Amino acid sequence: PEYIGSLMHVNNLWDSWTNLTDCIRQGKPDNFQTVNQKSDDWIEDYLESMQWKSIHEAPEIIRMIDLRNAKKMLDLGCGSGIYSIEAAAMYPNLLCYVLDYPNVIEETKKYIDKSSYSPRIQVIPADFSKDNIGTGYDCVLISYVLNEYSIWDNIDLMRKVYDSLNKDGKVVIHQQIISDNRIHPHLAAMEALNMIVNTPDGDCFTETDIWIMLKEAWFQNIERYDTEFGTSIVIAEKTTSF
């Protein structure tokens, strides 16, 4: 359980970071591949790397989210599914849905099947930017996802999430948040660079950016909580039934 995780993902980032100078000048990577275009080995390496990080964070993150009255939660862009595993462990009456690209969800299943909570965790292979994400959720968790897309793409995603929630449901965003001058904290600035070399439109967003995404989708009661991991949780509610 204490294994740091596959360092192969760091190795896989070598090519993109090698072109940092050109990427800064262009504002986008030289050779971008979507997750759907990545090899199975790349997906496996990526999830192993994220699993080590998430397995330490997930218990605390889930404790910061009140899911006592929730019956159905969607883990959007779930990766290894560790947050849903932790949520299922803490809340025996909670049914979790984990959604990610089809080639990712095949690896996700391996992590889910190793847990004792697989009967309460259902997998959904889908591209959430294009496909239906389902409805009737009391909570939608989005961890380390928004940074890979533009603010406009994320506004569209928030609207889709809003429509998927029940009245009084909530969206929970977990990620690094950068300062308004976009240079602090150091790890957030590095994450912004990582998005430049690896995504066409991704960035590390400010609290104001996230507020705009949520408000454009009609979310209310927006609150931010900082974690001990250098990340933040932003929670917003759907207060209407439409």
Foldseek 3Di string as FASTA:
>chain_A
DQPQFQCVLVVVCVVLVVCLVVLVVVLAADDADDPVRDDLVNLRRVLRNVCNVCLVVQLVVLVVDDCAPWQEEEEEQCRLVNNVLNNCVVHVRHAYEYEDAPSRVVNSVVSLVVGPRVVRYHYDHDDLLPDQPAAAGQEYEYEPDQQLAALVSLLVSLLSVLRRYAAFGKYKYKDAAAAPVLPPDPVQVVVQSSSSSHHGHGGHHHPVSVVVSNVSNVWDDWDKDDDPPNMIMIMTTRNDRD
